[in-house]
C-alpha atoms as a PDB file:
ATOM      1  CA  MET A   1      14.920 -18.646 111.404  1.00  0.00           C
ATOM      2  CA  THR A   2      12.595 -20.348 114.079  1.00  0.00           C
ATOM      3  CA  ASN A   3      12.497 -23.804 112.221  1.00  0.00           C
ATOM      4  CA  TRP A   4      14.719 -26.418 113.071  1.00  0.00           C
ATOM      5  CA  PRO A   5      17.674 -26.513 110.476  1.00  0.00           C
ATOM      6  CA  ARG A   6      17.679 -29.633 108.103  1.00  0.00           C
ATOM      7  CA  THR A   7      21.879 -28.723 107.526  1.00  0.00           C
ATOM      8  CA  ILE A   8      24.126 -27.068 109.591  1.00  0.00           C
ATOM      9  CA  PRO A   9      23.664 -23.339 108.764  1.00  0.00           C
ATOM     10  CA  TYR A  10      26.698 -21.932 107.144  1.00  0.00           C
ATOM     11  CA  ASP A  11      27.730 -19.636 110.217  1.00  0.00           C
ATOM     12  CA  LEU A  12      27.745 -22.248 112.501  1.00  0.00           C
ATOM     13  CA  LYS A  13      29.365 -24.646 110.331  1.00  0.00           C
ATOM     14  CA  CYS A  14      32.397 -21.930 110.273  1.00  0.00           C
ATOM     15  CA  ARG A  15      32.176 -21.735 113.784  1.00  0.00           C
ATOM     16  CA  LEU A  16      32.551 -25.545 114.578  1.00  0.00           C
ATOM     17  CA  GLU A  17      35.737 -25.513 111.775  1.00  0.00           C
ATOM     18  CA  GLN A  18      37.443 -22.299 113.685  1.00  0.00           C
ATOM     19  CA  LEU A  19      36.947 -24.725 117.334  1.00  0.00           C
ATOM     20  CA  ARG A  20      38.843 -27.698 115.216  1.00  0.00           C
ATOM     21  CA  GLU A  21      41.669 -25.554 114.271  1.00  0.00           C
ATOM     22  CA  TYR A  22      42.606 -25.077 118.139  1.00  0.00           C
ATOM     23  CA  ARG A  23      46.061 -26.836 119.296  1.00  0.00           C
ATOM     24  CA  ASN A  24      43.794 -28.533 121.694  1.00  0.00           C
ATOM     25  CA  ALA A  25      40.480 -30.187 120.162  1.00  0.00           C
ATOM     26  CA  PRO A  26      37.273 -29.326 121.671  1.00  0.00           C
ATOM     27  CA  SER A  27      35.260 -31.627 123.841  1.00  0.00           C
ATOM     28  CA  ILE A  28      31.726 -32.765 122.933  1.00  0.00           C
ATOM     29  CA  GLN A  29      30.403 -30.367 125.518  1.00  0.00           C
ATOM     30  CA  THR A  30      32.377 -27.402 123.941  1.00  0.00           C
ATOM     31  CA  GLN A  31      31.092 -28.172 120.559  1.00  0.00           C
ATOM     32  CA  TRP A  32      27.421 -29.182 121.839  1.00  0.00           C
ATOM     33  CA  GLY A  33      27.789 -25.413 123.822  1.00  0.00           C
ATOM     34  CA  GLU A  34      28.474 -23.553 120.591  1.00  0.00           C
ATOM     35  CA  VAL A  35      25.528 -25.579 118.868  1.00  0.00           C
ATOM     36  CA  LEU A  36      23.193 -24.323 121.672  1.00  0.00           C
ATOM     37  CA  GLU A  37      24.418 -21.205 122.006  1.00  0.00           C
ATOM     38  CA  TRP A  38      23.613 -20.508 118.094  1.00  0.00           C
ATOM     39  CA  LEU A  39      20.236 -22.204 118.503  1.00  0.00           C
ATOM     40  CA  GLU A  40      19.493 -19.730 121.202  1.00  0.00           C
ATOM     41  CA  LYS A  41      20.827 -16.659 119.533  1.00  0.00           C
ATOM     42  CA  HIS A  42      18.724 -17.351 116.391  1.00  0.00           C
ATOM     43  CA  GLY A  43      15.506 -18.305 118.091  1.00  0.00           C
ATOM     44  CA  VAL A  44      15.370 -21.872 117.006  1.00  0.00           C
ATOM     45  CA  GLU A  45      12.565 -24.063 118.399  1.00  0.00           C
ATOM     46  CA  PRO A  46      13.185 -27.540 119.084  1.00  0.00           C
ATOM     47  CA  PRO A  47      11.262 -30.048 116.674  1.00  0.00           C
ATOM     48  CA  GLU A  48       8.129 -31.316 118.008  1.00  0.00           C
ATOM     49  CA  HIS A  49       9.444 -35.114 117.952  1.00  0.00           C
ATOM     50  CA  PRO A  50      11.932 -35.687 120.416  1.00  0.00           C
ATOM     51  CA  LEU A  51      15.674 -35.712 119.372  1.00  0.00           C
ATOM     52  CA  PRO A  52      17.519 -38.890 119.205  1.00  0.00           C
ATOM     53  CA  THR A  53      19.561 -39.304 122.232  1.00  0.00           C
ATOM     54  CA  GLU A  54      21.830 -41.753 124.127  1.00  0.00           C
ATOM     55  CA  PRO A  55      20.929 -43.619 127.172  1.00  0.00           C
ATOM     56  CA  GLU A  56      22.136 -41.637 130.608  1.00  0.00           C
ATOM     57  CA  LEU A  57      25.055 -43.232 132.216  1.00  0.00           C
ATOM     58  CA  LYS A  58      24.317 -44.977 135.108  1.00  0.00           C
ATOM     59  CA  GLY A  59      26.729 -45.084 138.649  1.00  0.00           C
ATOM     60  CA  PRO A  60      29.435 -43.045 139.108  1.00  0.00           C
ATOM     61  CA  VAL A  61      30.935 -40.961 136.374  1.00  0.00           C
ATOM     62  CA  GLY A  62      34.547 -39.685 136.937  1.00  0.00           C
ATOM     63  CA  HIS A  63      37.729 -40.462 138.553  1.00  0.00           C
ATOM     64  CA  TRP A  64      37.606 -41.683 142.310  1.00  0.00           C
END
């Protein structure tokens, strides 16, 4: 598969559900890491149009 999927593929959906079964819920970064790994493994190219993103955080991030 080289086209960007329109729905969550079954094997990726199963993996994300497995993550949610952990005692400590996975972070957004962990979930995105799984998605990115899946996309790379299957050779999926990003779509031509940009994906929606949130604005970047400005200023210091985290605890001081």
